[in-house]
Amino acid sequence: MHVIDACFRRLSEISIPDLLGEIGVYVLWSGRAKARPSYIGEGNVLSRLVNHHDRFSKPFDGFAAVLSRADVPWQRAKSNATIVETLLLHVAHDTDRAPAENLAPGSFRALDELFERHGTARVNVSGLDPLRAPEESPRIQGRKRIVLRSAAGEDIELEHDWRYRRRRE
């Protein structure tokens, strides 16, 4: 099993030096978003935030989980960020929290290599819940898990700890 730990912190509480050159996952909430995030992305967090600054209504806020560390090669951090982004997008869609601005469903390319080696991926999400509005201060008690495993044939199974919301009409 391939395990990724993602501790989400509120963007307004992360200092710029903590983000310089760091690879991770971010969830943006525009000033008008109340029920679902505006965008879920991955990459060099600070650089990506600069690219998005004029795309969303102000004030925008959100969350980030830095996945790069001194003991993790850059390529592994990038692959892990792609996996976390893809799985968060699927959980968001599954629970009626799909971001308004994401056009693609995430990239499963990083998951192909992972399934060849491990067959199962688990993301442990801790800190703040990135799929709830920042003003709610949505602290996660313990952690929430997202588990993706290969099933019979070409199928995959996705399990997660997020509750399903009532579907909007």
N, C-alpha and C. Protein backbone atom coordinates (compact mmCIF):
# COMPACT_ATOMS: atom_id res chain seq x y z
N MET A 1 0.85 -1.18 0.00
CA MET A 1 0.00 0.00 0.00
C MET A 1 0.89 1.24 0.00
N HIS A 2 0.52 2.19 -0.85
CA HIS A 2 1.23 3.47 -0.91
C HIS A 2 0.45 4.48 -0.07
N VAL A 3 1.08 5.05 0.96
CA VAL A 3 0.41 5.96 1.88
C VAL A 3 0.96 7.37 1.71
N ILE A 4 0.04 8.34 1.61
CA ILE A 4 0.41 9.75 1.51
C ILE A 4 -0.28 10.49 2.65
N ASP A 5 0.49 11.25 3.43
CA ASP A 5 -0.07 12.07 4.49
C ASP A 5 -0.17 13.50 4.01
N ALA A 6 -1.38 14.07 4.08
CA ALA A 6 -1.61 15.44 3.63
C ALA A 6 -2.27 16.22 4.77
N CYS A 7 -1.51 17.12 5.37
CA CYS A 7 -2.03 17.96 6.45
C CYS A 7 -2.37 19.32 5.87
N PHE A 8 -3.66 19.62 5.78
CA PHE A 8 -4.12 20.87 5.19
C PHE A 8 -4.16 21.98 6.24
N ARG A 9 -3.62 23.13 5.83
CA ARG A 9 -3.63 24.34 6.66
C ARG A 9 -4.31 25.45 5.86
N ARG A 10 -4.88 26.39 6.55
CA ARG A 10 -5.54 27.52 5.88
C ARG A 10 -4.49 28.42 5.25
N LEU A 11 -4.72 28.83 4.01
CA LEU A 11 -3.76 29.66 3.29
C LEU A 11 -3.42 30.93 4.06
N SER A 12 -4.40 31.54 4.68
CA SER A 12 -4.17 32.78 5.40
C SER A 12 -3.29 32.60 6.64
N GLU A 13 -3.03 31.35 7.01
CA GLU A 13 -2.20 31.08 8.19
C GLU A 13 -0.85 30.48 7.84
N ILE A 14 -0.54 30.37 6.55
CA ILE A 14 0.74 29.82 6.12
C ILE A 14 1.64 30.97 5.68
N SER A 15 2.86 30.99 6.19
CA SER A 15 3.78 32.07 5.80
C SER A 15 4.38 31.77 4.43
N ILE A 16 4.73 32.82 3.72
CA ILE A 16 5.30 32.68 2.38
C ILE A 16 6.57 31.84 2.39
N PRO A 17 7.49 32.03 3.34
CA PRO A 17 8.69 31.17 3.35
C PRO A 17 8.36 29.67 3.46
N ASP A 18 7.22 29.33 4.09
CA ASP A 18 6.81 27.92 4.19
C ASP A 18 6.36 27.35 2.85
N LEU A 19 6.04 28.23 1.88
CA LEU A 19 5.56 27.78 0.58
C LEU A 19 6.60 27.92 -0.54
N LEU A 20 7.67 28.67 -0.31
CA LEU A 20 8.66 28.90 -1.36
C LEU A 20 9.23 27.59 -1.90
N GLY A 21 8.98 27.33 -3.17
CA GLY A 21 9.51 26.15 -3.83
C GLY A 21 8.87 24.84 -3.43
N GLU A 22 7.83 24.87 -2.64
CA GLU A 22 7.23 23.64 -2.13
C GLU A 22 6.15 23.09 -3.06
N ILE A 23 6.11 21.78 -3.15
CA ILE A 23 5.13 21.06 -3.96
C ILE A 23 4.01 20.58 -3.04
N GLY A 24 2.78 20.73 -3.50
CA GLY A 24 1.67 20.28 -2.68
C GLY A 24 0.35 20.36 -3.40
N VAL A 25 -0.71 20.34 -2.62
CA VAL A 25 -2.07 20.38 -3.11
C VAL A 25 -2.74 21.58 -2.46
N TYR A 26 -3.57 22.28 -3.23
CA TYR A 26 -4.27 23.44 -2.69
C TYR A 26 -5.73 23.38 -3.11
N VAL A 27 -6.58 23.93 -2.27
CA VAL A 27 -8.02 23.99 -2.53
C VAL A 27 -8.42 25.45 -2.33
N LEU A 28 -8.88 26.09 -3.40
CA LEU A 28 -9.23 27.50 -3.36
C LEU A 28 -10.74 27.69 -3.24
N TRP A 29 -11.11 28.65 -2.43
CA TRP A 29 -12.50 29.05 -2.26
C TRP A 29 -12.60 30.52 -2.63
N SER A 30 -13.37 30.85 -3.65
CA SER A 30 -13.53 32.26 -4.04
C SER A 30 -14.39 32.97 -3.00
N GLY A 31 -14.42 34.29 -3.08
CA GLY A 31 -15.19 35.08 -2.12
C GLY A 31 -16.67 34.77 -2.12
N ARG A 32 -17.20 34.24 -3.22
CA ARG A 32 -18.63 33.92 -3.31
C ARG A 32 -18.95 32.46 -3.01
N ALA A 33 -17.97 31.61 -2.93
CA ALA A 33 -18.22 30.17 -2.74
C ALA A 33 -18.61 29.88 -1.29
N LYS A 34 -19.70 29.16 -1.12
CA LYS A 34 -20.16 28.81 0.23
C LYS A 34 -20.28 27.30 0.44
N ALA A 35 -20.67 26.56 -0.60
CA ALA A 35 -20.97 25.14 -0.43
C ALA A 35 -19.95 24.22 -1.07
N ARG A 36 -19.17 24.74 -1.99
CA ARG A 36 -18.19 23.90 -2.69
C ARG A 36 -16.98 24.74 -3.04
N PRO A 37 -15.81 24.11 -3.07
CA PRO A 37 -14.61 24.87 -3.42
C PRO A 37 -14.67 25.35 -4.87
N SER A 38 -13.85 26.35 -5.16
CA SER A 38 -13.80 26.89 -6.52
C SER A 38 -12.82 26.11 -7.38
N TYR A 39 -11.73 25.64 -6.77
CA TYR A 39 -10.69 24.97 -7.57
C TYR A 39 -9.84 24.09 -6.68
N ILE A 40 -9.47 22.92 -7.18
CA ILE A 40 -8.52 22.03 -6.52
C ILE A 40 -7.36 21.84 -7.48
N GLY A 41 -6.14 22.06 -6.99
CA GLY A 41 -4.98 21.95 -7.85
C GLY A 41 -3.77 21.39 -7.13
N GLU A 42 -2.70 21.20 -7.89
CA GLU A 42 -1.45 20.68 -7.34
C GLU A 42 -0.29 21.32 -8.06
N GLY A 43 0.88 21.23 -7.45
CA GLY A 43 2.10 21.76 -8.06
C GLY A 43 2.87 22.60 -7.08
N ASN A 44 3.69 23.51 -7.61
CA ASN A 44 4.43 24.46 -6.79
C ASN A 44 3.38 25.43 -6.24
N VAL A 45 3.04 25.29 -4.98
CA VAL A 45 1.87 25.96 -4.41
C VAL A 45 1.94 27.47 -4.59
N LEU A 46 3.03 28.10 -4.21
CA LEU A 46 3.11 29.55 -4.29
C LEU A 46 3.00 30.04 -5.73
N SER A 47 3.68 29.37 -6.64
CA SER A 47 3.63 29.73 -8.05
C SER A 47 2.21 29.59 -8.60
N ARG A 48 1.54 28.53 -8.23
CA ARG A 48 0.17 28.30 -8.70
C ARG A 48 -0.80 29.33 -8.13
N LEU A 49 -0.60 29.74 -6.88
CA LEU A 49 -1.46 30.76 -6.29
C LEU A 49 -1.29 32.09 -7.02
N VAL A 50 -0.06 32.41 -7.38
CA VAL A 50 0.19 33.64 -8.13
C VAL A 50 -0.53 33.57 -9.48
N ASN A 51 -0.49 32.41 -10.13
CA ASN A 51 -1.17 32.25 -11.43
C ASN A 51 -2.69 32.38 -11.31
N HIS A 52 -3.24 32.03 -10.16
CA HIS A 52 -4.69 32.03 -9.98
C HIS A 52 -5.22 33.33 -9.36
N HIS A 53 -4.36 34.25 -8.97
CA HIS A 53 -4.80 35.38 -8.14
C HIS A 53 -5.91 36.22 -8.77
N ASP A 54 -5.97 36.34 -10.07
CA ASP A 54 -7.00 37.17 -10.68
C ASP A 54 -8.14 36.35 -11.30
N ARG A 55 -8.13 35.06 -11.06
CA ARG A 55 -9.13 34.16 -11.64
C ARG A 55 -10.40 34.07 -10.81
N PHE A 56 -10.29 34.35 -9.51
CA PHE A 56 -11.41 34.16 -8.60
C PHE A 56 -11.80 35.47 -7.93
N SER A 57 -13.08 35.56 -7.52
CA SER A 57 -13.54 36.77 -6.85
C SER A 57 -12.85 36.91 -5.50
N LYS A 58 -12.63 38.15 -5.12
CA LYS A 58 -11.94 38.43 -3.87
C LYS A 58 -12.96 38.53 -2.75
N PRO A 59 -12.59 38.31 -1.53
CA PRO A 59 -11.31 37.72 -1.17
C PRO A 59 -11.36 36.21 -1.37
N PHE A 60 -10.28 35.63 -1.87
CA PHE A 60 -10.28 34.17 -1.94
C PHE A 60 -9.37 33.64 -0.86
N ASP A 61 -9.73 32.48 -0.38
CA ASP A 61 -9.00 31.83 0.70
C ASP A 61 -8.97 30.35 0.35
N GLY A 62 -8.52 29.54 1.24
CA GLY A 62 -8.50 28.12 0.98
C GLY A 62 -7.50 27.41 1.86
N PHE A 63 -7.02 26.29 1.34
CA PHE A 63 -6.17 25.40 2.12
C PHE A 63 -5.03 24.89 1.25
N ALA A 64 -3.95 24.51 1.90
CA ALA A 64 -2.83 23.88 1.19
C ALA A 64 -2.22 22.81 2.08
N ALA A 65 -1.75 21.76 1.43
CA ALA A 65 -0.98 20.71 2.10
C ALA A 65 0.34 20.60 1.36
N VAL A 66 1.43 20.89 2.04
CA VAL A 66 2.76 20.78 1.44
C VAL A 66 3.20 19.32 1.54
N LEU A 67 3.59 18.75 0.41
CA LEU A 67 3.97 17.34 0.37
C LEU A 67 5.47 17.14 0.15
N SER A 68 6.17 18.20 -0.24
CA SER A 68 7.61 18.06 -0.45
C SER A 68 8.33 18.21 0.89
N ARG A 69 9.36 17.40 1.05
CA ARG A 69 10.21 17.44 2.25
C ARG A 69 11.63 17.11 1.81
N ALA A 70 12.56 17.38 2.68
CA ALA A 70 13.97 17.13 2.35
C ALA A 70 14.23 15.65 2.05
N ASP A 71 13.50 14.74 2.71
CA ASP A 71 13.74 13.31 2.52
C ASP A 71 12.90 12.69 1.40
N VAL A 72 12.12 13.52 0.68
CA VAL A 72 11.28 13.02 -0.41
C VAL A 72 11.78 13.62 -1.72
N PRO A 73 12.16 12.79 -2.69
CA PRO A 73 12.59 13.35 -3.98
C PRO A 73 11.49 14.18 -4.63
N TRP A 74 11.88 15.21 -5.37
CA TRP A 74 10.95 16.13 -6.01
C TRP A 74 9.93 15.37 -6.85
N GLN A 75 10.38 14.38 -7.62
CA GLN A 75 9.48 13.63 -8.49
C GLN A 75 8.41 12.89 -7.69
N ARG A 76 8.79 12.33 -6.54
CA ARG A 76 7.83 11.61 -5.69
C ARG A 76 6.82 12.58 -5.11
N ALA A 77 7.28 13.77 -4.66
CA ALA A 77 6.37 14.78 -4.12
C ALA A 77 5.37 15.22 -5.19
N LYS A 78 5.85 15.42 -6.41
CA LYS A 78 4.98 15.83 -7.52
C LYS A 78 3.95 14.73 -7.82
N SER A 79 4.40 13.49 -7.87
CA SER A 79 3.49 12.37 -8.11
C SER A 79 2.46 12.25 -6.99
N ASN A 80 2.90 12.39 -5.74
CA ASN A 80 1.98 12.32 -4.61
C ASN A 80 0.95 13.45 -4.68
N ALA A 81 1.39 14.65 -5.06
CA ALA A 81 0.46 15.78 -5.18
C ALA A 81 -0.59 15.51 -6.26
N THR A 82 -0.16 14.92 -7.36
CA THR A 82 -1.10 14.57 -8.44
C THR A 82 -2.12 13.55 -7.95
N ILE A 83 -1.66 12.58 -7.19
CA ILE A 83 -2.56 11.55 -6.64
C ILE A 83 -3.56 12.17 -5.67
N VAL A 84 -3.08 13.02 -4.75
CA VAL A 84 -3.98 13.64 -3.77
C VAL A 84 -5.01 14.53 -4.48
N GLU A 85 -4.56 15.33 -5.45
CA GLU A 85 -5.48 16.18 -6.20
C GLU A 85 -6.56 15.33 -6.87
N THR A 86 -6.16 14.28 -7.56
CA THR A 86 -7.10 13.42 -8.28
C THR A 86 -8.11 12.79 -7.33
N LEU A 87 -7.64 12.27 -6.21
CA LEU A 87 -8.55 11.62 -5.27
C LEU A 87 -9.47 12.64 -4.59
N LEU A 88 -8.96 13.83 -4.26
CA LEU A 88 -9.83 14.86 -3.69
C LEU A 88 -10.92 15.28 -4.69
N LEU A 89 -10.55 15.40 -5.95
CA LEU A 89 -11.54 15.74 -6.97
C LEU A 89 -12.64 14.67 -7.04
N HIS A 90 -12.26 13.41 -6.93
CA HIS A 90 -13.25 12.34 -6.98
C HIS A 90 -14.13 12.32 -5.74
N VAL A 91 -13.55 12.56 -4.57
CA VAL A 91 -14.35 12.65 -3.35
C VAL A 91 -15.30 13.84 -3.45
N ALA A 92 -14.80 14.98 -3.93
CA ALA A 92 -15.63 16.17 -4.07
C ALA A 92 -16.81 15.90 -5.01
N HIS A 93 -16.54 15.25 -6.12
CA HIS A 93 -17.63 14.92 -7.06
C HIS A 93 -18.61 13.95 -6.42
N ASP A 94 -18.09 12.96 -5.73
CA ASP A 94 -18.89 11.92 -5.10
C ASP A 94 -19.82 12.48 -4.02
N THR A 95 -19.40 13.55 -3.35
CA THR A 95 -20.15 14.10 -2.22
C THR A 95 -20.83 15.43 -2.55
N ASP A 96 -21.00 15.73 -3.83
CA ASP A 96 -21.64 16.96 -4.30
C ASP A 96 -20.89 18.21 -3.82
N ARG A 97 -19.57 18.15 -3.90
CA ARG A 97 -18.73 19.30 -3.57
C ARG A 97 -17.75 19.60 -4.71
N ALA A 98 -18.10 19.19 -5.92
CA ALA A 98 -17.19 19.35 -7.06
C ALA A 98 -16.91 20.82 -7.31
N PRO A 99 -15.64 21.19 -7.48
CA PRO A 99 -15.28 22.58 -7.71
C PRO A 99 -15.86 23.11 -9.02
N ALA A 100 -16.25 24.37 -9.00
CA ALA A 100 -16.86 24.99 -10.16
C ALA A 100 -15.87 25.21 -11.30
N GLU A 101 -14.59 25.39 -11.01
CA GLU A 101 -13.63 25.80 -12.02
C GLU A 101 -12.74 24.68 -12.58
N ASN A 102 -12.74 23.51 -11.98
CA ASN A 102 -11.92 22.42 -12.52
C ASN A 102 -12.57 21.85 -13.77
N LEU A 103 -11.82 21.83 -14.86
CA LEU A 103 -12.34 21.27 -16.09
C LEU A 103 -12.01 19.79 -16.23
N ALA A 104 -10.83 19.39 -15.76
CA ALA A 104 -10.39 18.00 -15.88
C ALA A 104 -10.63 17.28 -14.54
N PRO A 105 -10.85 15.97 -14.60
CA PRO A 105 -11.12 15.20 -13.38
C PRO A 105 -9.86 14.80 -12.60
N GLY A 106 -8.71 15.32 -12.97
CA GLY A 106 -7.45 14.91 -12.34
C GLY A 106 -6.73 13.95 -13.25
N SER A 107 -5.51 13.63 -12.90
CA SER A 107 -4.69 12.78 -13.75
C SER A 107 -4.47 11.42 -13.08
N PHE A 108 -4.86 10.39 -13.77
CA PHE A 108 -4.65 9.04 -13.24
C PHE A 108 -3.29 8.48 -13.64
N ARG A 109 -2.49 9.24 -14.39
CA ARG A 109 -1.19 8.75 -14.84
C ARG A 109 -0.29 8.33 -13.67
N ALA A 110 -0.26 9.15 -12.62
CA ALA A 110 0.56 8.81 -11.45
C ALA A 110 0.04 7.57 -10.75
N LEU A 111 -1.27 7.31 -10.88
CA LEU A 111 -1.85 6.13 -10.24
C LEU A 111 -1.49 4.84 -10.98
N ASP A 112 -1.25 4.92 -12.28
CA ASP A 112 -0.88 3.71 -13.03
C ASP A 112 0.37 3.07 -12.47
N GLU A 113 1.41 3.87 -12.29
CA GLU A 113 2.68 3.36 -11.73
C GLU A 113 2.47 2.83 -10.32
N LEU A 114 1.68 3.56 -9.55
CA LEU A 114 1.42 3.17 -8.17
C LEU A 114 0.72 1.81 -8.10
N PHE A 115 -0.30 1.61 -8.95
CA PHE A 115 -1.02 0.35 -8.94
C PHE A 115 -0.14 -0.82 -9.38
N GLU A 116 0.78 -0.57 -10.31
CA GLU A 116 1.70 -1.64 -10.72
C GLU A 116 2.55 -2.10 -9.55
N ARG A 117 2.95 -1.17 -8.70
CA ARG A 117 3.82 -1.51 -7.56
C ARG A 117 3.05 -1.95 -6.33
N HIS A 118 1.95 -1.25 -5.99
CA HIS A 118 1.30 -1.45 -4.69
C HIS A 118 -0.13 -1.96 -4.76
N GLY A 119 -0.89 -1.61 -5.79
CA GLY A 119 -2.28 -2.04 -5.90
C GLY A 119 -3.26 -1.21 -5.10
N THR A 120 -2.78 -0.47 -4.08
CA THR A 120 -3.66 0.33 -3.24
C THR A 120 -2.97 1.63 -2.87
N ALA A 121 -3.75 2.71 -2.86
CA ALA A 121 -3.25 4.01 -2.41
C ALA A 121 -4.15 4.50 -1.29
N ARG A 122 -3.54 5.05 -0.24
CA ARG A 122 -4.32 5.64 0.85
C ARG A 122 -3.79 7.04 1.11
N VAL A 123 -4.70 7.99 1.17
CA VAL A 123 -4.35 9.36 1.52
C VAL A 123 -4.95 9.63 2.90
N ASN A 124 -4.10 10.01 3.83
CA ASN A 124 -4.54 10.41 5.16
C ASN A 124 -4.62 11.94 5.19
N VAL A 125 -5.83 12.47 5.29
CA VAL A 125 -6.02 13.92 5.31
C VAL A 125 -6.21 14.34 6.76
N SER A 126 -5.41 15.30 7.19
CA SER A 126 -5.51 15.81 8.56
C SER A 126 -5.47 17.33 8.54
N GLY A 127 -5.57 17.92 9.71
CA GLY A 127 -5.57 19.38 9.81
C GLY A 127 -6.97 19.91 9.60
N LEU A 128 -7.15 20.69 8.53
CA LEU A 128 -8.45 21.26 8.20
C LEU A 128 -9.06 20.54 7.01
N ASP A 129 -10.39 20.46 6.99
CA ASP A 129 -11.09 19.78 5.90
C ASP A 129 -11.14 20.72 4.69
N PRO A 130 -10.42 20.39 3.62
CA PRO A 130 -10.36 21.29 2.47
C PRO A 130 -11.66 21.35 1.66
N LEU A 131 -12.60 20.45 1.93
CA LEU A 131 -13.86 20.42 1.19
C LEU A 131 -14.98 21.15 1.93
N ARG A 132 -14.61 21.87 2.98
CA ARG A 132 -15.58 22.72 3.70
C ARG A 132 -15.06 24.15 3.68
N ALA A 133 -15.96 25.10 3.69
CA ALA A 133 -15.60 26.52 3.57
C ALA A 133 -14.62 26.95 4.67
N PRO A 134 -13.61 27.74 4.32
CA PRO A 134 -12.60 28.18 5.30
C PRO A 134 -13.18 28.89 6.52
N GLU A 135 -14.24 29.68 6.33
CA GLU A 135 -14.78 30.42 7.47
C GLU A 135 -15.43 29.52 8.51
N GLU A 136 -15.67 28.26 8.17
CA GLU A 136 -16.21 27.31 9.14
C GLU A 136 -15.13 26.76 10.06
N SER A 137 -13.86 27.06 9.78
CA SER A 137 -12.72 26.49 10.53
C SER A 137 -12.91 24.99 10.71
N PRO A 138 -12.98 24.28 9.60
CA PRO A 138 -13.37 22.86 9.62
C PRO A 138 -12.25 21.91 10.06
N ARG A 139 -11.94 21.89 11.35
CA ARG A 139 -10.89 21.02 11.87
C ARG A 139 -11.33 19.56 11.78
N ILE A 140 -10.42 18.71 11.31
CA ILE A 140 -10.66 17.27 11.24
C ILE A 140 -10.19 16.66 12.55
N GLN A 141 -11.07 15.92 13.18
CA GLN A 141 -10.68 15.21 14.40
C GLN A 141 -9.95 13.93 13.98
N GLY A 142 -8.67 13.85 14.26
CA GLY A 142 -7.87 12.70 13.82
C GLY A 142 -7.50 12.87 12.37
N ARG A 143 -8.08 12.04 11.52
CA ARG A 143 -7.82 12.13 10.08
C ARG A 143 -9.00 11.56 9.31
N LYS A 144 -9.06 11.93 8.04
CA LYS A 144 -10.01 11.33 7.11
C LYS A 144 -9.18 10.59 6.08
N ARG A 145 -9.69 9.44 5.67
CA ARG A 145 -8.94 8.62 4.72
C ARG A 145 -9.64 8.57 3.38
N ILE A 146 -8.82 8.48 2.35
CA ILE A 146 -9.29 8.16 1.01
C ILE A 146 -8.49 6.94 0.59
N VAL A 147 -9.17 5.86 0.24
CA VAL A 147 -8.50 4.63 -0.17
C VAL A 147 -8.94 4.28 -1.59
N LEU A 148 -7.97 4.06 -2.44
CA LEU A 148 -8.24 3.65 -3.81
C LEU A 148 -7.52 2.34 -4.04
N ARG A 149 -8.27 1.32 -4.46
CA ARG A 149 -7.63 0.02 -4.70
C ARG A 149 -8.12 -0.55 -6.01
N SER A 150 -7.27 -1.33 -6.61
CA SER A 150 -7.68 -1.99 -7.85
C SER A 150 -8.63 -3.13 -7.48
N ALA A 151 -9.64 -3.30 -8.30
CA ALA A 151 -10.64 -4.35 -8.08
C ALA A 151 -10.55 -5.33 -9.24
N ALA A 152 -11.53 -6.17 -9.35
CA ALA A 152 -11.54 -7.18 -10.42
C ALA A 152 -11.49 -6.51 -11.78
N GLY A 153 -10.68 -7.04 -12.65
CA GLY A 153 -10.56 -6.50 -14.01
C GLY A 153 -9.90 -5.13 -14.01
N GLU A 154 -10.49 -4.21 -14.73
CA GLU A 154 -9.97 -2.85 -14.86
C GLU A 154 -10.59 -1.90 -13.84
N ASP A 155 -11.50 -2.39 -13.01
CA ASP A 155 -12.23 -1.52 -12.08
C ASP A 155 -11.36 -1.08 -10.92
N ILE A 156 -11.76 0.05 -10.33
CA ILE A 156 -11.13 0.54 -9.12
C ILE A 156 -12.22 0.83 -8.10
N GLU A 157 -11.87 0.73 -6.84
CA GLU A 157 -12.80 1.01 -5.75
C GLU A 157 -12.28 2.21 -4.98
N LEU A 158 -13.16 3.16 -4.71
CA LEU A 158 -12.81 4.35 -3.95
C LEU A 158 -13.64 4.35 -2.67
N GLU A 159 -12.96 4.46 -1.54
CA GLU A 159 -13.62 4.58 -0.24
C GLU A 159 -13.10 5.85 0.40
N HIS A 160 -13.97 6.54 1.15
CA HIS A 160 -13.53 7.74 1.83
C HIS A 160 -14.38 7.96 3.07
N ASP A 161 -13.91 8.87 3.94
CA ASP A 161 -14.58 9.14 5.21
C ASP A 161 -15.46 10.39 5.18
N TRP A 162 -15.69 10.97 4.02
CA TRP A 162 -16.55 12.15 3.93
C TRP A 162 -18.00 11.71 3.86
N ARG A 163 -18.84 12.45 4.54
CA ARG A 163 -20.28 12.16 4.48
C ARG A 163 -20.85 12.70 3.18
N TYR A 164 -21.85 12.02 2.69
CA TYR A 164 -22.53 12.44 1.46
C TYR A 164 -23.50 13.56 1.80
N ARG A 165 -23.49 14.59 0.98
CA ARG A 165 -24.46 15.67 1.14
C ARG A 165 -25.71 15.35 0.34
N ARG A 166 -26.80 15.97 0.74
CA ARG A 166 -28.03 15.81 -0.04
C ARG A 166 -27.81 16.43 -1.40
N ARG A 167 -28.08 15.69 -2.44
CA ARG A 167 -27.89 16.16 -3.81
C ARG A 167 -28.82 17.32 -4.13
N ARG A 168 -28.26 18.33 -4.77
CA ARG A 168 -29.08 19.44 -5.20
C ARG A 168 -29.82 19.06 -6.48
N GLU A 169 -30.97 19.62 -6.65
CA GLU A 169 -31.79 19.35 -7.85
C GLU A 169 -31.31 20.18 -9.00
